[in-house]
Amino acid sequence: MATNSPSPMARLTERKAITGRKALDVAAAAIGRLGLRVEADLDPAAATGDPHLLERMVGKLIDNAVRHNEPHGWLRVRTGENDGSDGAGKSVFLQVASGGPQIPAETVATLFEPLHRLESRTSSRDGVGLGLAIARSIGLAHGATVVARSRPDGGLDIQVTLPRREAAVIVR
């Protein structure tokens, strides 16, 4: 018996908009409660991958930035394409940066370990320490590099760089 459902490979190259705007909309209540200032610069960025997983990655990164922010803090979400002129090849990027408590630079890598949470980031917040581990795993499964840096004034800056592909998922 034949079916008309798409194969898993067809699903991987499905053209669909994965939006930072959608993830920001999902987080709107928490953003409002905290009084966060949001800057969104969401240019189209084409990458091949599972649209549902990439959407989940974007959502996890934004949720983490909101959850561990400070009242009246800030959040910046950027997407776009790199043309490859730097010799690294064409790629797309997602940047999620936010304010929040100081994070010692030497502990940033541990934030991506499952169930690991920093005490300064968890005193009054829920969650179990899986969001960043899930986001990084999804990124790596799609050939991405995921780089996180602590910000000198507090908070975290995470950049996900994915290979640029034709017939792709749009991340914006």
Protein backbone atom coordinates (compact mmCIF):
# COMPACT_ATOMS: atom_id res chain seq x y z
CA MET A 1 0.00 0.00 0.00
CA ALA A 2 1.58 3.29 -1.14
CA THR A 3 1.28 6.49 0.86
CA ASN A 4 1.61 10.07 -0.23
CA SER A 5 3.32 11.28 2.94
CA PRO A 6 6.66 12.99 2.41
CA SER A 7 9.79 11.02 3.06
CA PRO A 8 12.03 12.08 5.95
CA MET A 9 14.54 13.45 3.40
CA ALA A 10 11.86 15.57 1.74
CA ARG A 11 10.97 16.97 5.13
CA LEU A 12 14.60 17.96 5.70
CA THR A 13 14.58 20.26 2.69
CA GLU A 14 11.07 21.62 3.15
CA ARG A 15 10.92 25.40 2.62
CA LYS A 16 9.37 27.00 5.67
CA ALA A 17 9.89 30.14 7.70
CA ILE A 18 11.44 29.52 11.09
CA THR A 19 11.05 32.79 12.86
CA GLY A 20 12.67 34.46 15.77
CA ARG A 21 9.54 36.62 15.75
CA LYS A 22 7.40 33.54 16.49
CA ALA A 23 9.64 32.57 19.41
CA LEU A 24 9.50 36.16 20.70
CA ASP A 25 5.71 36.05 20.44
CA VAL A 26 5.64 32.82 22.47
CA ALA A 27 7.81 34.49 25.13
CA ALA A 28 5.81 37.77 25.07
CA ALA A 29 4.14 37.26 28.46
CA ALA A 30 7.46 36.69 30.25
CA ILE A 31 9.07 39.55 28.31
CA GLY A 32 6.23 41.81 29.45
CA ARG A 33 6.42 40.67 33.08
CA LEU A 34 10.14 41.44 33.17
CA GLY A 35 9.77 44.70 31.22
CA LEU A 36 12.50 43.66 28.78
CA ARG A 37 13.59 45.91 25.95
CA VAL A 38 13.69 43.78 22.78
CA GLU A 39 15.71 44.47 19.64
CA ALA A 40 14.94 42.15 16.73
CA ASP A 41 16.88 42.40 13.45
CA LEU A 42 15.51 39.41 11.58
CA ASP A 43 16.86 39.18 8.03
CA PRO A 44 16.08 36.02 6.01
CA ALA A 45 18.71 33.31 6.35
CA ALA A 46 18.41 30.08 4.31
CA ALA A 47 19.68 26.83 5.83
CA THR A 48 18.78 23.18 5.21
CA GLY A 49 17.34 21.24 8.09
CA ASP A 50 14.33 19.95 9.91
CA PRO A 51 12.10 23.01 10.29
CA HIS A 52 10.53 21.76 13.52
CA LEU A 53 13.88 21.15 15.19
CA LEU A 54 15.34 24.46 14.03
CA GLU A 55 12.26 26.25 15.32
CA ARG A 56 12.70 24.48 18.64
CA MET A 57 16.37 25.52 18.78
CA VAL A 58 15.45 29.18 18.20
CA GLY A 59 12.73 28.93 20.86
CA LYS A 60 15.05 27.34 23.44
CA LEU A 61 17.68 30.05 22.94
CA ILE A 62 15.16 32.88 23.27
CA ASP A 63 13.46 31.23 26.25
CA ASN A 64 16.83 30.91 27.99
CA ALA A 65 17.66 34.57 27.32
CA VAL A 66 14.32 35.70 28.76
CA ARG A 67 14.30 33.28 31.69
CA HIS A 68 17.75 34.32 32.92
CA ASN A 69 17.43 38.04 32.27
CA GLU A 70 16.93 40.75 34.86
CA PRO A 71 13.88 42.98 35.35
CA HIS A 72 13.97 45.86 32.85
CA GLY A 73 16.85 44.18 31.04
CA TRP A 74 17.31 43.69 27.32
CA LEU A 75 17.24 41.01 24.64
CA ARG A 76 18.64 41.12 21.10
CA VAL A 77 17.82 38.58 18.38
CA ARG A 78 19.51 38.81 14.99
CA THR A 79 19.46 36.59 11.92
CA GLY A 80 21.17 36.96 8.58
CA GLU A 81 23.54 35.58 5.98
CA ASN A 82 27.32 35.72 5.70
CA ASP A 83 28.43 35.89 2.06
CA GLY A 84 31.60 33.84 2.56
CA SER A 85 33.95 36.70 1.77
CA ASP A 86 35.85 35.90 4.97
CA GLY A 87 36.92 32.56 3.47
CA ALA A 88 34.73 30.52 5.81
CA GLY A 89 32.09 29.79 3.15
CA LYS A 90 28.52 30.97 2.89
CA SER A 91 26.61 30.62 6.13
CA VAL A 92 23.63 31.90 8.05
CA PHE A 93 23.60 33.04 11.65
CA LEU A 94 21.30 33.40 14.60
CA GLN A 95 22.46 35.60 17.47
CA VAL A 96 20.64 35.72 20.79
CA ALA A 97 22.18 38.13 23.28
CA SER A 98 20.78 39.28 26.58
CA GLY A 99 21.47 41.01 29.82
CA GLY A 100 21.47 39.18 33.11
CA PRO A 101 23.77 38.26 35.94
CA GLN A 102 27.55 38.07 35.49
CA ILE A 103 28.68 34.70 34.17
CA PRO A 104 32.34 33.84 34.69
CA ALA A 105 33.91 33.20 31.27
CA GLU A 106 35.37 29.89 32.44
CA THR A 107 31.90 28.51 33.26
CA VAL A 108 30.13 29.41 29.99
CA ALA A 109 30.86 26.04 28.33
CA THR A 110 29.25 24.21 31.26
CA LEU A 111 25.92 25.93 30.56
CA PHE A 112 25.50 23.56 27.58
CA GLU A 113 25.89 20.45 29.72
CA PRO A 114 22.57 18.70 30.47
CA LEU A 115 21.18 19.44 33.94
CA HIS A 116 23.92 21.97 34.70
CA ARG A 117 22.76 25.30 36.06
CA LEU A 118 24.69 28.18 37.56
CA GLU A 119 23.52 29.16 41.04
CA SER A 120 23.58 32.88 40.15
CA ARG A 121 21.22 32.22 37.24
CA THR A 122 18.79 29.91 39.03
CA SER A 123 17.99 31.34 42.44
CA SER A 124 14.37 32.20 41.63
CA ARG A 125 13.80 30.68 38.22
CA ASP A 126 12.29 27.42 37.07
CA GLY A 127 13.71 24.93 34.58
CA VAL A 128 15.96 21.94 34.93
CA GLY A 129 19.01 22.89 32.87
CA LEU A 130 18.18 21.25 29.54
CA GLY A 131 17.32 24.18 27.24
CA LEU A 132 20.82 25.12 26.10
CA ALA A 133 21.88 21.47 25.85
CA ILE A 134 18.92 20.77 23.57
CA ALA A 135 19.56 23.90 21.49
CA ARG A 136 23.22 23.01 21.00
CA SER A 137 22.40 19.40 20.11
CA ILE A 138 19.93 20.54 17.46
CA GLY A 139 22.46 22.99 16.06
CA LEU A 140 25.24 20.39 15.92
CA ALA A 141 22.90 17.89 14.24
CA HIS A 142 22.43 20.50 11.50
CA GLY A 143 26.17 21.12 11.01
CA ALA A 144 26.17 24.35 13.02
CA THR A 145 28.77 25.86 15.26
CA VAL A 146 27.39 27.20 18.53
CA VAL A 147 29.51 29.77 20.35
CA ALA A 148 28.59 31.40 23.66
CA ARG A 149 30.37 34.28 25.36
CA SER A 150 29.73 35.93 28.68
CA ARG A 151 29.16 39.65 28.39
CA PRO A 152 31.37 41.97 30.47
CA ASP A 153 28.30 43.84 31.76
CA GLY A 154 26.40 40.60 32.51
CA GLY A 155 24.37 38.21 30.45
CA LEU A 156 25.20 35.94 27.55
CA ASP A 157 25.77 36.23 23.80
CA ILE A 158 25.11 33.06 21.78
CA GLN A 159 25.82 32.78 18.06
CA VAL A 160 24.70 29.81 15.98
CA THR A 161 26.25 29.58 12.50
CA LEU A 162 24.72 27.12 10.03
CA PRO A 163 25.90 26.19 6.54
CA ARG A 164 23.93 28.11 3.91
CA ARG A 165 22.01 25.88 1.53
CA GLU A 166 19.73 26.29 -1.44
CA ALA A 167 16.13 24.95 -1.25
CA ALA A 168 16.25 25.56 2.42
CA VAL A 169 14.55 26.43 5.65
CA ILE A 170 14.40 30.18 6.27
CA VAL A 171 15.61 31.19 9.74
CA ARG A 172 14.46 34.72 10.66
